[in-house]
């Protein structure tokens, strides 16, 4: 009699352990790409995010150019973390959770400028956090 190969979690590739992890990795990459685009728009087109004349070129404590570079750096780090998440690296999942939280706060700052876009990106980041934290039923042991 031939024995069937065991399908324990060790034999299952990281991407197939949980579809939520793959989904969160893809959403983390999209969130990073959206942040890179938002950042370059803030850097290259100074008037794009201004809503009123008396609002000026300031957004809380920094001007739009500074926030633009913050978004570009955050987006690049999110894209790199998403590659780690898709490869199944545990540290990348923890980094992805932290980066999604930071992106939530940054989008909250931009809420007055583009509320629907900010809410959309915030929802994407909440799904990233959920996908990286949720415990799949078919895998024993802690993932994060």
N, C-alpha and C. Protein backbone atom coordinates (compact mmCIF):
# COMPACT_ATOMS: atom_id res chain seq x y z
N UNK A 1 0.83 -1.19 0.00
CA UNK A 1 0.00 0.00 0.00
C UNK A 1 0.87 1.25 0.00
N UNK A 2 0.47 2.18 -0.84
CA UNK A 2 1.18 3.45 -0.88
C UNK A 2 0.58 4.39 0.13
N UNK A 3 1.44 5.12 0.76
CA UNK A 3 0.93 6.10 1.72
C UNK A 3 0.80 7.45 1.02
N UNK A 4 -0.25 8.12 1.34
CA UNK A 4 -0.50 9.46 0.78
C UNK A 4 0.40 10.47 1.49
N UNK A 5 0.94 11.44 0.76
CA UNK A 5 1.74 12.46 1.44
C UNK A 5 0.86 13.27 2.38
N UNK A 6 1.41 13.57 3.51
CA UNK A 6 0.65 14.31 4.52
C UNK A 6 0.50 15.77 4.10
N UNK A 7 -0.64 16.34 4.43
CA UNK A 7 -0.91 17.75 4.09
C UNK A 7 -0.93 18.59 5.36
N UNK A 8 0.05 18.38 6.21
CA UNK A 8 0.16 19.19 7.41
C UNK A 8 0.55 20.61 7.01
N UNK A 9 0.37 21.58 7.91
CA UNK A 9 0.70 22.96 7.56
C UNK A 9 2.15 23.15 7.10
N UNK A 10 3.06 22.29 7.51
CA UNK A 10 4.45 22.44 7.08
C UNK A 10 4.63 22.11 5.61
N UNK A 11 3.81 21.20 5.08
CA UNK A 11 3.92 20.81 3.68
C UNK A 11 3.14 21.73 2.76
N UNK A 12 2.29 22.54 3.31
CA UNK A 12 1.46 23.43 2.51
C UNK A 12 2.23 24.72 2.27
N UNK A 13 2.34 25.16 1.01
CA UNK A 13 3.05 26.42 0.73
C UNK A 13 2.40 27.59 1.47
N UNK A 14 3.19 28.63 1.81
CA UNK A 14 2.66 29.76 2.59
C UNK A 14 1.44 30.41 1.98
N UNK A 15 1.39 30.54 0.63
CA UNK A 15 0.26 31.21 0.00
C UNK A 15 -1.02 30.41 0.14
N UNK A 16 -0.91 29.10 0.35
CA UNK A 16 -2.11 28.28 0.43
C UNK A 16 -2.54 28.01 1.86
N UNK A 17 -1.82 28.52 2.82
CA UNK A 17 -2.23 28.32 4.20
C UNK A 17 -3.49 29.11 4.50
N UNK A 18 -3.58 30.30 3.95
CA UNK A 18 -4.75 31.12 4.16
C UNK A 18 -4.94 32.03 2.95
N UNK A 19 -6.12 32.02 2.41
CA UNK A 19 -6.41 32.92 1.29
C UNK A 19 -6.47 34.36 1.76
N UNK A 20 -6.75 34.58 3.04
CA UNK A 20 -6.77 35.93 3.57
C UNK A 20 -5.39 36.55 3.52
N UNK A 21 -4.35 35.74 3.74
CA UNK A 21 -2.99 36.28 3.69
C UNK A 21 -2.66 36.73 2.27
N UNK A 22 -3.01 35.94 1.29
CA UNK A 22 -2.77 36.33 -0.10
C UNK A 22 -3.57 37.58 -0.45
N UNK A 23 -4.83 37.60 -0.04
CA UNK A 23 -5.69 38.76 -0.30
C UNK A 23 -5.12 40.01 0.37
N UNK A 24 -4.68 39.88 1.62
CA UNK A 24 -4.11 41.02 2.33
C UNK A 24 -2.81 41.47 1.69
N UNK A 25 -2.00 40.54 1.20
CA UNK A 25 -0.76 40.91 0.53
C UNK A 25 -1.01 41.71 -0.73
N UNK A 26 -2.00 41.28 -1.49
CA UNK A 26 -2.35 42.01 -2.72
C UNK A 26 -2.92 43.39 -2.39
N UNK A 27 -3.80 43.45 -1.38
CA UNK A 27 -4.35 44.75 -0.99
C UNK A 27 -3.28 45.67 -0.41
N UNK A 28 -2.31 45.10 0.31
CA UNK A 28 -1.22 45.92 0.85
C UNK A 28 -0.41 46.51 -0.30
N UNK A 29 -0.20 45.73 -1.35
CA UNK A 29 0.52 46.24 -2.52
C UNK A 29 -0.28 47.34 -3.20
N UNK A 30 -1.58 47.14 -3.35
CA UNK A 30 -2.42 48.19 -3.96
C UNK A 30 -2.44 49.45 -3.11
N UNK A 31 -2.53 49.29 -1.81
CA UNK A 31 -2.51 50.46 -0.92
C UNK A 31 -1.19 51.20 -1.05
N UNK A 32 -0.10 50.45 -1.15
CA UNK A 32 1.20 51.09 -1.34
C UNK A 32 1.28 51.84 -2.66
N UNK A 33 0.76 51.24 -3.72
CA UNK A 33 0.76 51.91 -5.02
C UNK A 33 -0.12 53.16 -5.00
N UNK A 34 -1.28 53.08 -4.34
CA UNK A 34 -2.14 54.26 -4.21
C UNK A 34 -1.43 55.36 -3.43
N UNK A 35 -0.72 54.98 -2.36
CA UNK A 35 0.00 55.98 -1.57
C UNK A 35 1.14 56.62 -2.37
N UNK A 36 1.82 55.83 -3.19
CA UNK A 36 2.87 56.39 -4.04
C UNK A 36 2.27 57.40 -5.02
N UNK A 37 1.15 57.06 -5.62
CA UNK A 37 0.48 57.98 -6.55
C UNK A 37 0.03 59.25 -5.83
N UNK A 38 -0.61 59.08 -4.66
CA UNK A 38 -1.03 60.25 -3.87
C UNK A 38 0.16 61.13 -3.51
N UNK A 39 1.27 60.50 -3.15
CA UNK A 39 2.46 61.26 -2.77
C UNK A 39 3.03 62.05 -3.92
N UNK A 40 3.13 61.43 -5.09
CA UNK A 40 3.66 62.16 -6.24
C UNK A 40 2.71 63.27 -6.70
N UNK A 41 1.42 63.07 -6.56
CA UNK A 41 0.48 64.14 -6.89
C UNK A 41 0.68 65.32 -5.94
N UNK A 42 0.86 65.03 -4.64
CA UNK A 42 1.08 66.11 -3.67
C UNK A 42 2.39 66.84 -3.93
N UNK A 43 3.41 66.12 -4.37
CA UNK A 43 4.72 66.75 -4.61
C UNK A 43 4.71 67.55 -5.91
N UNK A 44 4.13 66.99 -6.97
CA UNK A 44 4.23 67.60 -8.29
C UNK A 44 3.16 68.64 -8.60
N UNK A 45 1.97 68.51 -7.99
CA UNK A 45 0.88 69.45 -8.26
C UNK A 45 0.43 70.04 -6.93
N UNK A 46 1.05 71.15 -6.55
CA UNK A 46 0.82 71.74 -5.22
C UNK A 46 -0.62 72.18 -5.00
N UNK A 47 -1.34 72.54 -6.02
CA UNK A 47 -2.70 73.02 -5.85
C UNK A 47 -3.76 71.95 -5.87
N UNK A 48 -3.39 70.72 -6.15
CA UNK A 48 -4.39 69.65 -6.33
C UNK A 48 -5.16 69.36 -5.05
N UNK A 49 -4.50 69.35 -3.91
CA UNK A 49 -5.15 69.00 -2.66
C UNK A 49 -5.71 70.20 -1.90
N UNK A 50 -5.49 71.41 -2.38
CA UNK A 50 -6.01 72.58 -1.68
C UNK A 50 -7.50 72.70 -1.94
N UNK A 51 -8.26 72.85 -0.86
CA UNK A 51 -9.72 72.91 -1.01
C UNK A 51 -10.25 74.33 -0.93
N UNK A 52 -9.63 75.18 -0.15
CA UNK A 52 -10.08 76.57 -0.03
C UNK A 52 -8.88 77.49 -0.11
N UNK A 53 -9.13 78.74 -0.41
CA UNK A 53 -8.04 79.70 -0.58
C UNK A 53 -7.34 79.98 0.76
N UNK A 54 -8.10 80.01 1.86
CA UNK A 54 -7.47 80.33 3.14
C UNK A 54 -6.83 79.10 3.80
N UNK A 55 -7.01 77.93 3.21
CA UNK A 55 -6.41 76.71 3.75
C UNK A 55 -4.90 76.71 3.50
N UNK A 56 -4.48 77.32 2.42
CA UNK A 56 -3.07 77.45 2.13
C UNK A 56 -2.42 76.14 1.73
N UNK A 57 -1.12 76.09 1.87
CA UNK A 57 -0.35 74.91 1.49
C UNK A 57 0.07 74.12 2.72
N UNK A 58 -0.75 74.13 3.76
CA UNK A 58 -0.40 73.42 4.98
C UNK A 58 -1.49 72.40 5.30
N UNK A 59 -1.04 71.29 5.80
CA UNK A 59 -1.95 70.23 6.22
C UNK A 59 -1.51 69.80 7.60
N UNK A 60 -2.22 70.26 8.58
CA UNK A 60 -1.86 70.08 9.99
C UNK A 60 -0.47 70.65 10.26
N UNK A 61 0.56 69.83 10.32
CA UNK A 61 1.86 70.36 10.72
C UNK A 61 2.86 70.50 9.57
N UNK A 62 2.65 69.81 8.46
CA UNK A 62 3.58 69.88 7.33
C UNK A 62 2.86 70.46 6.12
N UNK A 63 3.63 70.86 5.14
CA UNK A 63 3.02 71.30 3.89
C UNK A 63 2.77 70.07 3.00
N UNK A 64 2.13 70.30 1.87
CA UNK A 64 1.76 69.18 1.00
C UNK A 64 2.98 68.47 0.41
N UNK A 65 4.06 69.19 0.18
CA UNK A 65 5.26 68.56 -0.36
C UNK A 65 5.83 67.56 0.64
N UNK A 66 5.89 67.95 1.90
CA UNK A 66 6.39 67.03 2.94
C UNK A 66 5.49 65.80 3.06
N UNK A 67 4.17 66.03 3.08
CA UNK A 67 3.26 64.89 3.15
C UNK A 67 3.36 64.02 1.91
N UNK A 68 3.62 64.65 0.77
CA UNK A 68 3.79 63.87 -0.45
C UNK A 68 4.96 62.91 -0.35
N UNK A 69 6.09 63.38 0.17
CA UNK A 69 7.25 62.50 0.31
C UNK A 69 7.01 61.44 1.39
N UNK A 70 6.27 61.80 2.43
CA UNK A 70 5.91 60.81 3.44
C UNK A 70 5.08 59.69 2.81
N UNK A 71 4.11 60.07 1.97
CA UNK A 71 3.28 59.07 1.30
C UNK A 71 4.09 58.21 0.32
N UNK A 72 5.04 58.82 -0.38
CA UNK A 72 5.87 58.05 -1.32
C UNK A 72 6.69 57.01 -0.57
N UNK A 73 7.33 57.42 0.51
CA UNK A 73 8.15 56.48 1.29
C UNK A 73 7.28 55.40 1.91
N UNK A 74 6.14 55.79 2.47
CA UNK A 74 5.22 54.81 3.05
C UNK A 74 4.75 53.81 1.99
N UNK A 75 4.43 54.30 0.81
CA UNK A 75 3.98 53.42 -0.27
C UNK A 75 5.05 52.45 -0.71
N UNK A 76 6.29 52.91 -0.81
CA UNK A 76 7.38 52.02 -1.22
C UNK A 76 7.59 50.93 -0.17
N UNK A 77 7.56 51.31 1.10
CA UNK A 77 7.74 50.31 2.16
C UNK A 77 6.56 49.34 2.19
N UNK A 78 5.35 49.82 1.91
CA UNK A 78 4.19 48.93 1.84
C UNK A 78 4.33 47.92 0.70
N UNK A 79 4.79 48.36 -0.44
CA UNK A 79 4.97 47.44 -1.57
C UNK A 79 6.01 46.39 -1.22
N UNK A 80 7.11 46.79 -0.60
CA UNK A 80 8.14 45.82 -0.20
C UNK A 80 7.60 44.84 0.84
N UNK A 81 6.83 45.35 1.80
CA UNK A 81 6.24 44.46 2.82
C UNK A 81 5.24 43.50 2.18
N UNK A 82 4.52 43.97 1.18
CA UNK A 82 3.54 43.09 0.53
C UNK A 82 4.23 41.93 -0.18
N UNK A 83 5.40 42.19 -0.75
CA UNK A 83 6.16 41.09 -1.36
C UNK A 83 6.56 40.06 -0.32
N UNK A 84 6.96 40.54 0.86
CA UNK A 84 7.27 39.62 1.95
C UNK A 84 6.07 38.84 2.43
N UNK A 85 4.92 39.51 2.49
CA UNK A 85 3.68 38.82 2.89
C UNK A 85 3.34 37.73 1.89
N UNK A 86 3.47 38.03 0.61
CA UNK A 86 3.15 37.04 -0.42
C UNK A 86 4.14 35.88 -0.41
N UNK A 87 5.35 36.09 0.09
CA UNK A 87 6.32 35.02 0.20
C UNK A 87 6.18 34.24 1.51
N UNK A 88 5.34 34.74 2.42
CA UNK A 88 5.07 34.03 3.67
C UNK A 88 6.01 34.38 4.81
N UNK A 89 6.64 35.53 4.78
CA UNK A 89 7.55 35.95 5.84
C UNK A 89 6.75 36.51 7.00
N UNK A 90 7.00 35.98 8.20
CA UNK A 90 6.23 36.41 9.38
C UNK A 90 6.48 37.88 9.71
N UNK A 91 7.73 38.32 9.64
CA UNK A 91 8.04 39.71 9.95
C UNK A 91 7.35 40.67 8.98
N UNK A 92 7.17 40.24 7.75
CA UNK A 92 6.47 41.09 6.78
C UNK A 92 5.01 41.25 7.14
N UNK A 93 4.40 40.20 7.70
CA UNK A 93 3.00 40.33 8.14
C UNK A 93 2.89 41.33 9.27
N UNK A 94 3.80 41.26 10.24
CA UNK A 94 3.78 42.21 11.35
C UNK A 94 4.06 43.63 10.86
N UNK A 95 4.99 43.77 9.94
CA UNK A 95 5.28 45.08 9.35
C UNK A 95 4.08 45.59 8.56
N UNK A 96 3.41 44.71 7.83
CA UNK A 96 2.22 45.09 7.06
C UNK A 96 1.11 45.61 7.95
N UNK A 97 0.94 44.98 9.11
CA UNK A 97 -0.09 45.45 10.06
C UNK A 97 0.25 46.86 10.53
N UNK A 98 1.52 47.08 10.90
CA UNK A 98 1.93 48.41 11.37
C UNK A 98 1.81 49.46 10.26
N UNK A 99 2.22 49.10 9.05
CA UNK A 99 2.14 50.05 7.94
C UNK A 99 0.70 50.38 7.57
N UNK A 100 -0.18 49.40 7.64
CA UNK A 100 -1.59 49.67 7.36
C UNK A 100 -2.18 50.60 8.41
N UNK A 101 -1.76 50.44 9.66
CA UNK A 101 -2.21 51.36 10.71
C UNK A 101 -1.71 52.77 10.49
N UNK A 102 -0.45 52.90 10.09
CA UNK A 102 0.11 54.23 9.79
C UNK A 102 -0.62 54.85 8.60
N UNK A 103 -0.89 54.04 7.58
CA UNK A 103 -1.61 54.55 6.40
C UNK A 103 -3.03 54.99 6.78
N UNK A 104 -3.65 54.29 7.72
CA UNK A 104 -4.98 54.71 8.20
C UNK A 104 -4.92 56.11 8.80
N UNK A 105 -3.92 56.35 9.62
CA UNK A 105 -3.78 57.66 10.25
C UNK A 105 -3.49 58.74 9.21
N UNK A 106 -2.61 58.43 8.26
CA UNK A 106 -2.29 59.40 7.21
C UNK A 106 -3.52 59.73 6.36
N UNK A 107 -4.32 58.74 6.03
CA UNK A 107 -5.53 59.01 5.25
C UNK A 107 -6.55 59.79 6.06
N UNK A 108 -6.55 59.60 7.37
CA UNK A 108 -7.44 60.39 8.23
C UNK A 108 -7.07 61.87 8.16
N UNK A 109 -5.79 62.16 8.03
CA UNK A 109 -5.34 63.54 7.91
C UNK A 109 -5.83 64.15 6.60
N UNK A 110 -5.86 63.36 5.52
CA UNK A 110 -6.29 63.84 4.21
C UNK A 110 -7.81 63.77 4.02
N UNK A 111 -8.54 63.41 5.07
CA UNK A 111 -10.00 63.24 4.96
C UNK A 111 -10.70 64.52 4.53
N UNK A 112 -10.22 65.68 4.96
CA UNK A 112 -10.89 66.93 4.60
C UNK A 112 -10.72 67.29 3.13
N UNK A 113 -9.69 66.76 2.49
CA UNK A 113 -9.41 67.11 1.11
C UNK A 113 -10.21 66.25 0.14
N UNK A 114 -10.08 64.92 0.26
CA UNK A 114 -10.80 63.97 -0.58
C UNK A 114 -11.44 62.91 0.30
N UNK A 115 -12.63 63.17 0.83
CA UNK A 115 -13.20 62.25 1.83
C UNK A 115 -13.51 60.86 1.28
N UNK A 116 -14.06 60.74 0.08
CA UNK A 116 -14.43 59.41 -0.43
C UNK A 116 -13.20 58.58 -0.77
N UNK A 117 -12.20 59.20 -1.34
CA UNK A 117 -10.96 58.49 -1.64
C UNK A 117 -10.28 58.04 -0.35
N UNK A 118 -10.24 58.92 0.65
CA UNK A 118 -9.64 58.56 1.93
C UNK A 118 -10.39 57.41 2.59
N UNK A 119 -11.71 57.45 2.54
CA UNK A 119 -12.49 56.35 3.12
C UNK A 119 -12.24 55.04 2.39
N UNK A 120 -12.11 55.10 1.07
CA UNK A 120 -11.82 53.89 0.30
C UNK A 120 -10.47 53.30 0.69
N UNK A 121 -9.45 54.14 0.76
CA UNK A 121 -8.11 53.66 1.13
C UNK A 121 -8.10 53.18 2.57
N UNK A 122 -8.85 53.83 3.44
CA UNK A 122 -8.94 53.37 4.83
C UNK A 122 -9.59 52.00 4.90
N UNK A 123 -10.63 51.77 4.10
CA UNK A 123 -11.28 50.45 4.08
C UNK A 123 -10.32 49.38 3.57
N UNK A 124 -9.52 49.71 2.57
CA UNK A 124 -8.51 48.76 2.06
C UNK A 124 -7.53 48.41 3.16
N UNK A 125 -7.08 49.41 3.91
CA UNK A 125 -6.12 49.16 4.99
C UNK A 125 -6.73 48.36 6.13
N UNK A 126 -8.00 48.57 6.41
CA UNK A 126 -8.67 47.76 7.43
C UNK A 126 -8.75 46.30 6.98
N UNK A 127 -9.03 46.07 5.71
CA UNK A 127 -9.03 44.70 5.19
C UNK A 127 -7.64 44.08 5.23
N UNK A 128 -6.61 44.88 5.01
CA UNK A 128 -5.24 44.38 5.12
C UNK A 128 -4.96 43.92 6.55
N UNK A 129 -5.31 44.75 7.51
CA UNK A 129 -5.09 44.39 8.91
C UNK A 129 -5.87 43.13 9.26
N UNK A 130 -7.12 43.05 8.85
CA UNK A 130 -7.92 41.86 9.14
C UNK A 130 -7.31 40.62 8.49
N UNK A 131 -6.92 40.74 7.24
CA UNK A 131 -6.37 39.59 6.53
C UNK A 131 -5.07 39.10 7.12
N UNK A 132 -4.29 39.99 7.71
CA UNK A 132 -3.01 39.58 8.29
C UNK A 132 -3.15 39.11 9.74
N UNK A 133 -4.25 39.43 10.39
CA UNK A 133 -4.44 39.05 11.79
C UNK A 133 -5.34 37.83 11.95
N UNK A 134 -6.30 37.65 11.06
CA UNK A 134 -7.30 36.60 11.23
C UNK A 134 -6.62 35.22 11.26
N UNK A 135 -7.14 34.36 12.10
CA UNK A 135 -6.62 33.01 12.24
C UNK A 135 -7.43 32.07 11.36
N UNK A 136 -6.80 31.47 10.35
CA UNK A 136 -7.56 30.54 9.51
C UNK A 136 -7.96 29.29 10.29
N UNK A 137 -9.11 28.75 9.99
CA UNK A 137 -9.64 27.60 10.74
C UNK A 137 -8.91 26.32 10.43
N UNK A 138 -8.36 26.20 9.22
CA UNK A 138 -7.75 24.94 8.83
C UNK A 138 -6.26 24.86 9.14
N UNK A 139 -5.70 25.88 9.81
CA UNK A 139 -4.29 25.86 10.17
C UNK A 139 -4.18 25.92 11.68
N UNK A 140 -3.50 24.93 12.26
CA UNK A 140 -3.30 24.94 13.71
C UNK A 140 -2.11 25.84 14.06
N UNK A 141 -2.19 26.43 15.20
CA UNK A 141 -1.09 27.28 15.67
C UNK A 141 -1.29 28.72 15.26
N UNK A 142 -0.52 29.59 15.91
CA UNK A 142 -0.65 31.01 15.64
C UNK A 142 0.11 31.39 14.39
N UNK A 143 -0.47 32.29 13.59
CA UNK A 143 0.16 32.75 12.35
C UNK A 143 0.98 34.00 12.59
N UNK A 144 0.46 34.90 13.35
CA UNK A 144 1.11 36.21 13.47
C UNK A 144 1.99 36.23 14.70
